[in-house]
Amino acid sequence: VFLSLQLFGTIVWILVAATRVPLPLLQGWVMFVAVTAWFLSIVFLCVFLFGYANRIAVNWNQTDFLFHGATFVFYFGAFLLQAATTSLHHFPRKFNATTHEKILGDHEYNISIAASV
């Protein structure tokens, strides 16, 4: 389970970082969630790999449940924000009366869809 969190967290991190950021506040939260969950899952994995779980008197089943529950809530919130950013693809960004550009280009739109999923 931890390795899948590592893999998918890294993929989200790369996909969001590869896009142009039209709404820094929304996508900043997505990056924060991806990086924080990635880092905490590495720490959690190292606790088990190096045997610290036997030395620390904690209910590891409950800790694991709380960690994955919190990660689910944060990733679901990040999904909603990334999907909201992706849905703005068709709205134009108006520079002046004659020039119109989309908030997300077609390439960024496709990457943003992949990051949302």
PDB file of N, CA and C in Angstrom:
ATOM      1  N   VAL A   1       0.828  -1.185   0.000  1.00  0.00           N
ATOM      2  CA  VAL A   1       0.000   0.000   0.000  1.00  0.00           C
ATOM      3  C   VAL A   1       0.874   1.250   0.000  1.00  0.00           C
ATOM      4  N   PHE A   2       1.950   1.214   0.793  1.00  0.00           N
ATOM      5  CA  PHE A   2       2.800   2.389   0.875  1.00  0.00           C
ATOM      6  C   PHE A   2       3.512   2.667  -0.451  1.00  0.00           C
ATOM      7  N   LEU A   3       3.903   1.599  -1.137  1.00  0.00           N
ATOM      8  CA  LEU A   3       4.582   1.804  -2.412  1.00  0.00           C
ATOM      9  C   LEU A   3       3.640   2.393  -3.458  1.00  0.00           C
ATOM     10  N   SER A   4       2.358   2.022  -3.396  1.00  0.00           N
ATOM     11  CA  SER A   4       1.402   2.633  -4.329  1.00  0.00           C
ATOM     12  C   SER A   4       1.198   4.106  -4.000  1.00  0.00           C
ATOM     13  N   LEU A   5       1.203   4.463  -2.703  1.00  0.00           N
ATOM     14  CA  LEU A   5       1.129   5.886  -2.332  1.00  0.00           C
ATOM     15  C   LEU A   5       2.341   6.631  -2.859  1.00  0.00           C
ATOM     16  N   GLN A   6       3.510   6.007  -2.776  1.00  0.00           N
ATOM     17  CA  GLN A   6       4.724   6.632  -3.294  1.00  0.00           C
ATOM     18  C   GLN A   6       4.614   6.873  -4.799  1.00  0.00           C
ATOM     19  N   LEU A   7       4.196   5.842  -5.504  1.00  0.00           N
ATOM     20  CA  LEU A   7       4.122   5.914  -6.959  1.00  0.00           C
ATOM     21  C   LEU A   7       3.106   6.948  -7.426  1.00  0.00           C
ATOM     22  N   PHE A   8       1.878   6.849  -6.927  1.00  0.00           N
ATOM     23  CA  PHE A   8       0.838   7.766  -7.392  1.00  0.00           C
ATOM     24  C   PHE A   8       1.047   9.183  -6.885  1.00  0.00           C
ATOM     25  N   GLY A   9       1.587   9.322  -5.680  1.00  0.00           N
ATOM     26  CA  GLY A   9       1.912  10.655  -5.178  1.00  0.00           C
ATOM     27  C   GLY A   9       2.977  11.327  -6.034  1.00  0.00           C
ATOM     28  N   THR A  10       3.969  10.564  -6.447  1.00  0.00           N
ATOM     29  CA  THR A  10       5.015  11.103  -7.317  1.00  0.00           C
ATOM     30  C   THR A  10       4.450  11.478  -8.681  1.00  0.00           C
ATOM     31  N   ILE A  11       3.556  10.665  -9.211  1.00  0.00           N
ATOM     32  CA  ILE A  11       2.954  10.964 -10.515  1.00  0.00           C
ATOM     33  C   ILE A  11       2.125  12.249 -10.446  1.00  0.00           C
ATOM     34  N   VAL A  12       1.318  12.397  -9.397  1.00  0.00           N
ATOM     35  CA  VAL A  12       0.534  13.629  -9.239  1.00  0.00           C
ATOM     36  C   VAL A  12       1.464  14.823  -9.109  1.00  0.00           C
ATOM     37  N   TRP A  13       2.495  14.669  -8.321  1.00  0.00           N
ATOM     38  CA  TRP A  13       3.463  15.737  -8.110  1.00  0.00           C
ATOM     39  C   TRP A  13       4.080  16.165  -9.444  1.00  0.00           C
ATOM     40  N   ILE A  14       4.491  15.217 -10.251  1.00  0.00           N
ATOM     41  CA  ILE A  14       5.110  15.519 -11.549  1.00  0.00           C
ATOM     42  C   ILE A  14       4.099  16.147 -12.500  1.00  0.00           C
ATOM     43  N   LEU A  15       2.888  15.613 -12.566  1.00  0.00           N
ATOM     44  CA  LEU A  15       1.892  16.136 -13.499  1.00  0.00           C
ATOM     45  C   LEU A  15       1.472  17.564 -13.150  1.00  0.00           C
ATOM     46  N   VAL A  16       1.266  17.839 -11.883  1.00  0.00           N
ATOM     47  CA  VAL A  16       0.889  19.200 -11.501  1.00  0.00           C
ATOM     48  C   VAL A  16       2.048  20.157 -11.720  1.00  0.00           C
ATOM     49  N   ALA A  17       3.260  19.709 -11.434  1.00  0.00           N
ATOM     50  CA  ALA A  17       4.427  20.563 -11.639  1.00  0.00           C
ATOM     51  C   ALA A  17       4.692  20.819 -13.119  1.00  0.00           C
ATOM     52  N   ALA A  18       4.223  19.940 -13.995  1.00  0.00           N
ATOM     53  CA  ALA A  18       4.467  20.084 -15.429  1.00  0.00           C
ATOM     54  C   ALA A  18       3.503  21.060 -16.103  1.00  0.00           C
ATOM     55  N   THR A  19       2.452  21.464 -15.413  1.00  0.00           N
ATOM     56  CA  THR A  19       1.471  22.354 -16.022  1.00  0.00           C
ATOM     57  C   THR A  19       1.763  23.799 -15.688  1.00  0.00           C
ATOM     58  N   ARG A  20       1.243  24.662 -16.530  1.00  0.00           N
ATOM     59  CA  ARG A  20       1.266  26.084 -16.229  1.00  0.00           C
ATOM     60  C   ARG A  20       0.248  26.296 -15.125  1.00  0.00           C
ATOM     61  N   VAL A  21       0.543  27.146 -14.164  1.00  0.00           N
ATOM     62  CA  VAL A  21      -0.302  27.290 -12.990  1.00  0.00           C
ATOM     63  C   VAL A  21      -1.182  28.534 -13.141  1.00  0.00           C
ATOM     64  N   PRO A  22      -2.437  28.342 -13.574  1.00  0.00           N
ATOM     65  CA  PRO A  22      -3.311  29.504 -13.721  1.00  0.00           C
ATOM     66  C   PRO A  22      -3.882  29.982 -12.388  1.00  0.00           C
ATOM     67  N   LEU A  23      -4.065  29.084 -11.447  1.00  0.00           N
ATOM     68  CA  LEU A  23      -4.608  29.430 -10.130  1.00  0.00           C
ATOM     69  C   LEU A  23      -3.644  28.904  -9.063  1.00  0.00           C
ATOM     70  N   PRO A  24      -2.655  29.705  -8.670  1.00  0.00           N
ATOM     71  CA  PRO A  24      -1.615  29.203  -7.767  1.00  0.00           C
ATOM     72  C   PRO A  24      -2.142  28.713  -6.425  1.00  0.00           C
ATOM     73  N   LEU A  25      -3.186  29.334  -5.900  1.00  0.00           N
ATOM     74  CA  LEU A  25      -3.694  28.919  -4.600  1.00  0.00           C
ATOM     75  C   LEU A  25      -4.270  27.505  -4.655  1.00  0.00           C
ATOM     76  N   LEU A  26      -5.064  27.222  -5.691  1.00  0.00           N
ATOM     77  CA  LEU A  26      -5.664  25.886  -5.804  1.00  0.00           C
ATOM     78  C   LEU A  26      -4.613  24.820  -6.064  1.00  0.00           C
ATOM     79  N   GLN A  27      -3.769  25.054  -7.045  1.00  0.00           N
ATOM     80  CA  GLN A  27      -2.786  24.035  -7.392  1.00  0.00           C
ATOM     81  C   GLN A  27      -1.654  23.974  -6.373  1.00  0.00           C
ATOM     82  N   GLY A  28      -1.455  25.035  -5.618  1.00  0.00           N
ATOM     83  CA  GLY A  28      -0.492  24.986  -4.520  1.00  0.00           C
ATOM     84  C   GLY A  28      -0.935  24.008  -3.450  1.00  0.00           C
ATOM     85  N   TRP A  29      -2.233  23.982  -3.166  1.00  0.00           N
ATOM     86  CA  TRP A  29      -2.753  23.022  -2.196  1.00  0.00           C
ATOM     87  C   TRP A  29      -2.612  21.594  -2.709  1.00  0.00           C
ATOM     88  N   VAL A  30      -2.853  21.397  -4.003  1.00  0.00           N
ATOM     89  CA  VAL A  30      -2.698  20.064  -4.592  1.00  0.00           C
ATOM     90  C   VAL A  30      -1.248  19.602  -4.439  1.00  0.00           C
ATOM     91  N   MET A  31      -0.303  20.486  -4.719  1.00  0.00           N
ATOM     92  CA  MET A  31       1.109  20.135  -4.570  1.00  0.00           C
ATOM     93  C   MET A  31       1.461  19.870  -3.108  1.00  0.00           C
ATOM     94  N   PHE A  32       0.921  20.673  -2.201  1.00  0.00           N
ATOM     95  CA  PHE A  32       1.187  20.476  -0.779  1.00  0.00           C
ATOM     96  C   PHE A  32       0.708  19.100  -0.329  1.00  0.00           C
ATOM     97  N   VAL A  33      -0.496  18.725  -0.735  1.00  0.00           N
ATOM     98  CA  VAL A  33      -1.047  17.419  -0.348  1.00  0.00           C
ATOM     99  C   VAL A  33      -0.200  16.301  -0.937  1.00  0.00           C
ATOM    100  N   ALA A  34       0.158  16.390  -2.211  1.00  0.00           N
ATOM    101  CA  ALA A  34       0.933  15.324  -2.852  1.00  0.00           C
ATOM    102  C   ALA A  34       2.304  15.174  -2.204  1.00  0.00           C
ATOM    103  N   VAL A  35       2.983  16.284  -1.952  1.00  0.00           N
ATOM    104  CA  VAL A  35       4.330  16.221  -1.378  1.00  0.00           C
ATOM    105  C   VAL A  35       4.276  15.766   0.076  1.00  0.00           C
ATOM    106  N   THR A  36       3.331  16.294   0.846  1.00  0.00           N
ATOM    107  CA  THR A  36       3.233  15.924   2.257  1.00  0.00           C
ATOM    108  C   THR A  36       2.858  14.456   2.423  1.00  0.00           C
ATOM    109  N   ALA A  37       1.882  13.981   1.666  1.00  0.00           N
ATOM    110  CA  ALA A  37       1.495  12.570   1.761  1.00  0.00           C
ATOM    111  C   ALA A  37       2.640  11.668   1.316  1.00  0.00           C
ATOM    112  N   TRP A  38       3.370  12.090   0.297  1.00  0.00           N
ATOM    113  CA  TRP A  38       4.518  11.318  -0.178  1.00  0.00           C
ATOM    114  C   TRP A  38       5.574  11.225   0.911  1.00  0.00           C
ATOM    115  N   PHE A  39       5.903  12.351   1.527  1.00  0.00           N
ATOM    116  CA  PHE A  39       6.929  12.378   2.564  1.00  0.00           C
ATOM    117  C   PHE A  39       6.507  11.562   3.795  1.00  0.00           C
ATOM    118  N   LEU A  40       5.265  11.742   4.241  1.00  0.00           N
ATOM    119  CA  LEU A  40       4.800  11.018   5.424  1.00  0.00           C
ATOM    120  C   LEU A  40       4.712   9.515   5.181  1.00  0.00           C
ATOM    121  N   SER A  41       4.372   9.108   3.969  1.00  0.00           N
ATOM    122  CA  SER A  41       4.333   7.676   3.687  1.00  0.00           C
ATOM    123  C   SER A  41       5.741   7.084   3.651  1.00  0.00           C
ATOM    124  N   ILE A  42       6.727   7.879   3.231  1.00  0.00           N
ATOM    125  CA  ILE A  42       8.127   7.424   3.296  1.00  0.00           C
ATOM    126  C   ILE A  42       8.551   7.238   4.753  1.00  0.00           C
ATOM    127  N   VAL A  43       8.194   8.209   5.600  1.00  0.00           N
ATOM    128  CA  VAL A  43       8.532   8.105   7.020  1.00  0.00           C
ATOM    129  C   VAL A  43       7.847   6.885   7.634  1.00  0.00           C
ATOM    130  N   PHE A  44       6.578   6.716   7.332  1.00  0.00           N
ATOM    131  CA  PHE A  44       5.819   5.579   7.857  1.00  0.00           C
ATOM    132  C   PHE A  44       6.431   4.257   7.391  1.00  0.00           C
ATOM    133  N   LEU A  45       6.826   4.188   6.135  1.00  0.00           N
ATOM    134  CA  LEU A  45       7.445   2.983   5.590  1.00  0.00           C
ATOM    135  C   LEU A  45       8.785   2.703   6.283  1.00  0.00           C
ATOM    136  N   CYS A  46       9.580   3.748   6.493  1.00  0.00           N
ATOM    137  CA  CYS A  46      10.881   3.572   7.146  1.00  0.00           C
ATOM    138  C   CYS A  46      10.724   3.099   8.589  1.00  0.00           C
ATOM    139  N   VAL A  47       9.679   3.555   9.269  1.00  0.00           N
ATOM    140  CA  VAL A  47       9.428   3.092  10.638  1.00  0.00           C
ATOM    141  C   VAL A  47       9.259   1.579  10.658  1.00  0.00           C
ATOM    142  N   PHE A  48       8.573   1.037   9.678  1.00  0.00           N
ATOM    143  CA  PHE A  48       8.370  -0.410   9.631  1.00  0.00           C
ATOM    144  C   PHE A  48       9.591  -1.149   9.099  1.00  0.00           C
ATOM    145  N   LEU A  49      10.262  -0.583   8.108  1.00  0.00           N
ATOM    146  CA  LEU A  49      11.414  -1.269   7.525  1.00  0.00           C
ATOM    147  C   LEU A  49      12.578  -1.383   8.497  1.00  0.00           C
ATOM    148  N   PHE A  50      12.798  -0.344   9.297  1.00  0.00           N
ATOM    149  CA  PHE A  50      13.944  -0.345  10.202  1.00  0.00           C
ATOM    150  C   PHE A  50      13.601  -0.859  11.596  1.00  0.00           C
ATOM    151  N   GLY A  51      12.393  -1.383  11.780  1.00  0.00           N
ATOM    152  CA  GLY A  51      12.023  -2.035  13.023  1.00  0.00           C
ATOM    153  C   GLY A  51      11.660  -1.107  14.169  1.00  0.00           C
ATOM    154  N   TYR A  52      11.454   0.176  13.896  1.00  0.00           N
ATOM    155  CA  TYR A  52      11.076   1.090  14.970  1.00  0.00           C
ATOM    156  C   TYR A  52       9.653   0.830  15.458  1.00  0.00           C
ATOM    157  N   ALA A  53       8.857   0.152  14.671  1.00  0.00           N
ATOM    158  CA  ALA A  53       7.477  -0.134  15.061  1.00  0.00           C
ATOM    159  C   ALA A  53       7.437  -1.033  16.295  1.00  0.00           C
ATOM    160  N   ASN A  54       8.443  -1.886  16.456  1.00  0.00           N
ATOM    161  CA  ASN A  54       8.497  -2.763  17.632  1.00  0.00           C
ATOM    162  C   ASN A  54       8.930  -2.006  18.886  1.00  0.00           C
ATOM    163  N   ARG A  55       9.637  -0.904  18.706  1.00  0.00           N
ATOM    164  CA  ARG A  55      10.162  -0.134  19.846  1.00  0.00           C
ATOM    165  C   ARG A  55       9.213   0.958  20.318  1.00  0.00           C
ATOM    166  N   ILE A  56       8.289   1.365  19.464  1.00  0.00           N
ATOM    167  CA  ILE A  56       7.370   2.446  19.810  1.00  0.00           C
ATOM    168  C   ILE A  56       6.036   1.832  20.200  1.00  0.00           C
ATOM    169  N   ALA A  57       5.576   2.166  21.398  1.00  0.00           N
ATOM    170  CA  ALA A  57       4.333   1.590  21.905  1.00  0.00           C
ATOM    171  C   ALA A  57       3.134   2.385  21.398  1.00  0.00           C
ATOM    172  N   VAL A  58       2.721   2.052  20.186  1.00  0.00           N
ATOM    173  CA  VAL A  58       1.584   2.714  19.543  1.00  0.00           C
ATOM    174  C   VAL A  58       0.712   1.618  18.938  1.00  0.00           C
ATOM    175  N   ASN A  59      -0.571   1.834  18.925  1.00  0.00           N
ATOM    176  CA  ASN A  59      -1.475   0.926  18.231  1.00  0.00           C
ATOM    177  C   ASN A  59      -1.314   1.201  16.725  1.00  0.00           C
ATOM    178  N   TRP A  60      -0.510   0.376  16.063  1.00  0.00           N
ATOM    179  CA  TRP A  60      -0.168   0.639  14.667  1.00  0.00           C
ATOM    180  C   TRP A  60      -1.343   0.431  13.730  1.00  0.00           C
ATOM    181  N   ASN A  61      -2.288  -0.428  14.083  1.00  0.00           N
ATOM    182  CA  ASN A  61      -3.481  -0.595  13.248  1.00  0.00           C
ATOM    183  C   ASN A  61      -4.303   0.692  13.230  1.00  0.00           C
ATOM    184  N   GLN A  62      -4.477   1.290  14.406  1.00  0.00           N
ATOM    185  CA  GLN A  62      -5.229   2.543  14.485  1.00  0.00           C
ATOM    186  C   GLN A  62      -4.468   3.679  13.803  1.00  0.00           C
ATOM    187  N   THR A  63      -3.163   3.718  13.986  1.00  0.00           N
ATOM    188  CA  THR A  63      -2.347   4.753  13.347  1.00  0.00           C
ATOM    189  C   THR A  63      -2.416   4.635  11.826  1.00  0.00           C
ATOM    190  N   ASP A  64      -2.336   3.406  11.329  1.00  0.00           N
ATOM    191  CA  ASP A  64      -2.438   3.167   9.886  1.00  0.00           C
ATOM    192  C   ASP A  64      -3.805   3.592   9.360  1.00  0.00           C
ATOM    193  N   PHE A  65      -4.857   3.253  10.096  1.00  0.00           N
ATOM    194  CA  PHE A  65      -6.215   3.640   9.697  1.00  0.00           C
ATOM    195  C   PHE A  65      -6.360   5.166   9.666  1.00  0.00           C
ATOM    196  N   LEU A  66      -5.870   5.836  10.696  1.00  0.00           N
ATOM    197  CA  LEU A  66      -5.963   7.304  10.738  1.00  0.00           C
ATOM    198  C   LEU A  66      -5.134   7.956   9.633  1.00  0.00           C
ATOM    199  N   PHE A  67      -3.951   7.408   9.378  1.00  0.00           N
ATOM    200  CA  PHE A  67      -3.099   7.963   8.319  1.00  0.00           C
ATOM    201  C   PHE A  67      -3.779   7.856   6.963  1.00  0.00           C
ATOM    202  N   HIS A  68      -4.296   6.653   6.651  1.00  0.00           N
ATOM    203  CA  HIS A  68      -4.934   6.479   5.351  1.00  0.00           C
ATOM    204  C   HIS A  68      -6.254   7.239   5.254  1.00  0.00           C
ATOM    205  N   GLY A  69      -6.979   7.365   6.350  1.00  0.00           N
ATOM    206  CA  GLY A  69      -8.207   8.165   6.344  1.00  0.00           C
ATOM    207  C   GLY A  69      -7.925   9.632   6.082  1.00  0.00           C
ATOM    208  N   ALA A  70      -6.917  10.170   6.770  1.00  0.00           N
ATOM    209  CA  ALA A  70      -6.552  11.573   6.560  1.00  0.00           C
ATOM    210  C   ALA A  70      -6.011  11.789   5.150  1.00  0.00           C
ATOM    211  N   THR A  71      -5.221  10.839   4.670  1.00  0.00           N
ATOM    212  CA  THR A  71      -4.690  10.944   3.310  1.00  0.00           C
ATOM    213  C   THR A  71      -5.819  10.927   2.289  1.00  0.00           C
ATOM    214  N   PHE A  72      -6.829  10.077   2.511  1.00  0.00           N
ATOM    215  CA  PHE A  72      -7.978  10.042   1.606  1.00  0.00           C
ATOM    216  C   PHE A  72      -8.703  11.386   1.586  1.00  0.00           C
ATOM    217  N   VAL A  73      -8.949  11.956   2.753  1.00  0.00           N
ATOM    218  CA  VAL A  73      -9.665  13.235   2.823  1.00  0.00           C
ATOM    219  C   VAL A  73      -8.872  14.329   2.111  1.00  0.00           C
ATOM    220  N   PHE A  74      -7.568  14.400   2.368  1.00  0.00           N
ATOM    221  CA  PHE A  74      -6.765  15.441   1.732  1.00  0.00           C
ATOM    222  C   PHE A  74      -6.647  15.227   0.222  1.00  0.00           C
ATOM    223  N   TYR A  75      -6.446  13.979  -0.207  1.00  0.00           N
ATOM    224  CA  TYR A  75      -6.371  13.719  -1.647  1.00  0.00           C
ATOM    225  C   TYR A  75      -7.706  13.970  -2.341  1.00  0.00           C
ATOM    226  N   PHE A  76      -8.816  13.679  -1.664  1.00  0.00           N
ATOM    227  CA  PHE A  76     -10.119  13.962  -2.267  1.00  0.00           C
ATOM    228  C   PHE A  76     -10.325  15.464  -2.418  1.00  0.00           C
ATOM    229  N   GLY A  77      -9.928  16.237  -1.404  1.00  0.00           N
ATOM    230  CA  GLY A  77      -9.998  17.697  -1.518  1.00  0.00           C
ATOM    231  C   GLY A  77      -9.095  18.213  -2.624  1.00  0.00           C
ATOM    232  N   ALA A  78      -7.895  17.636  -2.732  1.00  0.00           N
ATOM    233  CA  ALA A  78      -6.983  18.036  -3.806  1.00  0.00           C
ATOM    234  C   ALA A  78      -7.550  17.679  -5.169  1.00  0.00           C
ATOM    235  N   PHE A  79      -8.215  16.512  -5.256  1.00  0.00           N
ATOM    236  CA  PHE A  79      -8.863  16.123  -6.505  1.00  0.00           C
ATOM    237  C   PHE A  79      -9.928  17.145  -6.906  1.00  0.00           C
ATOM    238  N   LEU A  80     -10.738  17.556  -5.938  1.00  0.00           N
ATOM    239  CA  LEU A  80     -11.783  18.540  -6.251  1.00  0.00           C
ATOM    240  C   LEU A  80     -11.187  19.853  -6.743  1.00  0.00           C
ATOM    241  N   LEU A  81     -10.123  20.312  -6.107  1.00  0.00           N
ATOM    242  CA  LEU A  81      -9.495  21.565  -6.532  1.00  0.00           C
ATOM    243  C   LEU A  81      -8.831  21.432  -7.900  1.00  0.00           C
ATOM    244  N   GLN A  82      -8.165  20.306  -8.137  1.00  0.00           N
ATOM    245  CA  GLN A  82      -7.535  20.094  -9.446  1.00  0.00           C
ATOM    246  C   GLN A  82      -8.591  19.964 -10.531  1.00  0.00           C
ATOM    247  N   ALA A  83      -9.693  19.287 -10.232  1.00  0.00           N
ATOM    248  CA  ALA A  83     -10.780  19.167 -11.209  1.00  0.00           C
ATOM    249  C   ALA A  83     -11.423  20.528 -11.469  1.00  0.00           C
ATOM    250  N   ALA A  84     -11.546  21.360 -10.443  1.00  0.00           N
ATOM    251  CA  ALA A  84     -12.092  22.711 -10.635  1.00  0.00           C
ATOM    252  C   ALA A  84     -11.174  23.537 -11.516  1.00  0.00           C
ATOM    253  N   THR A  85      -9.872  23.407 -11.321  1.00  0.00           N
ATOM    254  CA  THR A  85      -8.915  24.116 -12.181  1.00  0.00           C
ATOM    255  C   THR A  85      -9.011  23.609 -13.607  1.00  0.00           C
ATOM    256  N   THR A  86      -9.153  22.295 -13.774  1.00  0.00           N
ATOM    257  CA  THR A  86      -9.265  21.706 -15.110  1.00  0.00           C
ATOM    258  C   THR A  86     -10.534  22.168 -15.816  1.00  0.00           C
ATOM    259  N   SER A  87     -11.608  22.347 -15.068  1.00  0.00           N
ATOM    260  CA  SER A  87     -12.885  22.737 -15.681  1.00  0.00           C
ATOM    261  C   SER A  87     -12.853  24.166 -16.229  1.00  0.00           C
ATOM    262  N   LEU A  88     -11.857  24.949 -15.871  1.00  0.00           N
ATOM    263  CA  LEU A  88     -11.745  26.322 -16.371  1.00  0.00           C
ATOM    264  C   LEU A  88     -11.074  26.388 -17.738  1.00  0.00           C
ATOM    265  N   HIS A  89     -10.840  25.251 -18.351  1.00  0.00           N
ATOM    266  CA  HIS A  89     -10.117  25.183 -19.627  1.00  0.00           C
ATOM    267  C   HIS A  89     -10.761  26.039 -20.715  1.00  0.00           C
ATOM    268  N   HIS A  90     -12.055  26.061 -20.781  1.00  0.00           N
ATOM    269  CA  HIS A  90     -12.729  26.731 -21.890  1.00  0.00           C
ATOM    270  C   HIS A  90     -12.905  28.230 -21.670  1.00  0.00           C
ATOM    271  N   PHE A  91     -12.646  28.714 -20.459  1.00  0.00           N
ATOM    272  CA  PHE A  91     -12.787  30.141 -20.213  1.00  0.00           C
ATOM    273  C   PHE A  91     -11.579  30.891 -20.760  1.00  0.00           C
ATOM    274  N   PRO A  92     -11.817  31.989 -21.467  1.00  0.00           N
ATOM    275  CA  PRO A  92     -10.677  32.740 -22.019  1.00  0.00           C
ATOM    276  C   PRO A  92     -10.033  33.611 -20.952  1.00  0.00           C
ATOM    277  N   ARG A  93      -8.744  33.809 -21.105  1.00  0.00           N
ATOM    278  CA  ARG A  93      -8.017  34.778 -20.296  1.00  0.00           C
ATOM    279  C   ARG A  93      -7.890  36.016 -21.168  1.00  0.00           C
ATOM    280  N   LYS A  94      -8.471  37.096 -20.743  1.00  0.00           N
ATOM    281  CA  LYS A  94      -8.548  38.291 -21.584  1.00  0.00           C
ATOM    282  C   LYS A  94      -7.380  39.225 -21.263  1.00  0.00           C
ATOM    283  N   PHE A  95      -6.473  39.396 -22.241  1.00  0.00           N
ATOM    284  CA  PHE A  95      -5.360  40.317 -22.060  1.00  0.00           C
ATOM    285  C   PHE A  95      -5.737  41.720 -22.502  1.00  0.00           C
ATOM    286  N   ASN A  96      -6.371  41.814 -23.664  1.00  0.00           N
ATOM    287  CA  ASN A  96      -6.892  43.089 -24.132  1.00  0.00           C
ATOM    288  C   ASN A  96      -8.088  42.790 -25.038  1.00  0.00           C
ATOM    289  N   ALA A  97      -8.597  43.780 -25.689  1.00  0.00           N
ATOM    290  CA  ALA A  97      -9.829  43.596 -26.466  1.00  0.00           C
ATOM    291  C   ALA A  97      -9.631  42.697 -27.684  1.00  0.00           C
ATOM    292  N   THR A  98      -8.411  42.572 -28.199  1.00  0.00           N
ATOM    293  CA  THR A  98      -8.202  41.801 -29.428  1.00  0.00           C
ATOM    294  C   THR A  98      -7.556  40.440 -29.197  1.00  0.00           C
ATOM    295  N   THR A  99      -6.903  40.245 -28.069  1.00  0.00           N
ATOM    296  CA  THR A  99      -6.180  39.004 -27.829  1.00  0.00           C
ATOM    297  C   THR A  99      -6.902  38.166 -26.774  1.00  0.00           C
ATOM    298  N   HIS A 100      -7.191  36.931 -27.140  1.00  0.00           N
ATOM    299  CA  HIS A 100      -7.811  35.994 -26.203  1.00  0.00           C
ATOM    300  C   HIS A 100      -6.960  34.738 -26.137  1.00  0.00           C
ATOM    301  N   GLU A 101      -6.746  34.265 -24.958  1.00  0.00           N
ATOM    302  CA  GLU A 101      -6.000  33.034 -24.752  1.00  0.00           C
ATOM    303  C   GLU A 101      -6.726  32.228 -23.687  1.00  0.00           C
ATOM    304  N   LYS A 102      -6.751  30.915 -23.861  1.00  0.00           N
ATOM    305  CA  LYS A 102      -7.392  30.056 -22.878  1.00  0.00           C
ATOM    306  C   LYS A 102      -6.565  30.019 -21.599  1.00  0.00           C
ATOM    307  N   ILE A 103      -7.247  29.803 -20.472  1.00  0.00           N
ATOM    308  CA  ILE A 103      -6.544  29.699 -19.196  1.00  0.00           C
ATOM    309  C   ILE A 103      -5.581  28.521 -19.212  1.00  0.00           C
ATOM    310  N   LEU A 104      -6.017  27.385 -19.734  1.00  0.00           N
ATOM    311  CA  LEU A 104      -5.159  26.217 -19.911  1.00  0.00           C
ATOM    312  C   LEU A 104      -5.096  25.889 -21.393  1.00  0.00           C
ATOM    313  N   GLY A 105      -3.890  25.729 -21.910  1.00  0.00           N
ATOM    314  CA  GLY A 105      -3.747  25.273 -23.283  1.00  0.00           C
ATOM    315  C   GLY A 105      -4.167  23.820 -23.391  1.00  0.00           C
ATOM    316  N   ASP A 106      -4.246  23.300 -24.596  1.00  0.00           N
ATOM    317  CA  ASP A 106      -4.702  21.920 -24.791  1.00  0.00           C
ATOM    318  C   ASP A 106      -3.773  20.906 -24.120  1.00  0.00           C
ATOM    319  N   HIS A 107      -2.465  21.146 -24.218  1.00  0.00           N
ATOM    320  CA  HIS A 107      -1.501  20.231 -23.591  1.00  0.00           C
ATOM    321  C   HIS A 107      -1.628  20.272 -22.072  1.00  0.00           C
ATOM    322  N   GLU A 108      -1.713  21.480 -21.494  1.00  0.00           N
ATOM    323  CA  GLU A 108      -1.882  21.612 -20.047  1.00  0.00           C
ATOM    324  C   GLU A 108      -3.215  21.025 -19.586  1.00  0.00           C
ATOM    325  N   TYR A 109      -4.234  21.154 -20.432  1.00  0.00           N
ATOM    326  CA  TYR A 109      -5.549  20.587 -20.115  1.00  0.00           C
ATOM    327  C   TYR A 109      -5.460  19.074 -19.977  1.00  0.00           C
ATOM    328  N   ASN A 110      -4.777  18.427 -20.914  1.00  0.00           N
ATOM    329  CA  ASN A 110      -4.629  16.970 -20.858  1.00  0.00           C
ATOM    330  C   ASN A 110      -3.829  16.530 -19.634  1.00  0.00           C
ATOM    331  N   ILE A 111      -2.767  17.255 -19.326  1.00  0.00           N
ATOM    332  CA  ILE A 111      -1.963  16.924 -18.130  1.00  0.00           C
ATOM    333  C   ILE A 111      -2.795  17.145 -16.869  1.00  0.00           C
ATOM    334  N   SER A 112      -3.581  18.199 -16.839  1.00  0.00           N
ATOM    335  CA  SER A 112      -4.424  18.484 -15.677  1.00  0.00           C
ATOM    336  C   SER A 112      -5.495  17.418 -15.474  1.00  0.00           C
ATOM    337  N   ILE A 113      -6.014  16.880 -16.575  1.00  0.00           N
ATOM    338  CA  ILE A 113      -6.972  15.769 -16.469  1.00  0.00           C
ATOM    339  C   ILE A 113      -6.282  14.547 -15.856  1.00  0.00           C
ATOM    340  N   ALA A 114      -5.082  14.256 -16.322  1.00  0.00           N
ATOM    341  CA  ALA A 114      -4.350  13.108 -15.781  1.00  0.00           C
ATOM    342  C   ALA A 114      -4.027  13.306 -14.300  1.00  0.00           C
ATOM    343  N   ALA A 115      -3.691  14.528 -13.899  1.00  0.00           N
ATOM    344  CA  ALA A 115      -3.405  14.801 -12.488  1.00  0.00           C
ATOM    345  C   ALA A 115      -4.676  14.689 -11.659  1.00  0.00           C
ATOM    346  N   SER A 116      -5.808  15.059 -12.229  1.00  0.00           N
ATOM    347  CA  SER A 116      -7.070  14.948 -11.487  1.00  0.00           C
ATOM    348  C   SER A 116      -7.437  13.497 -11.233  1.00  0.00           C
ATOM    349  N   VAL A 117      -7.214  12.667 -12.226  1.00  0.00           N
ATOM    350  CA  VAL A 117      -7.552  11.247 -12.096  1.00  0.00           C
ATOM    351  C   VAL A 117      -6.592  10.591 -11.126  1.00  0.00           C
TER     352      VAL A 117
END
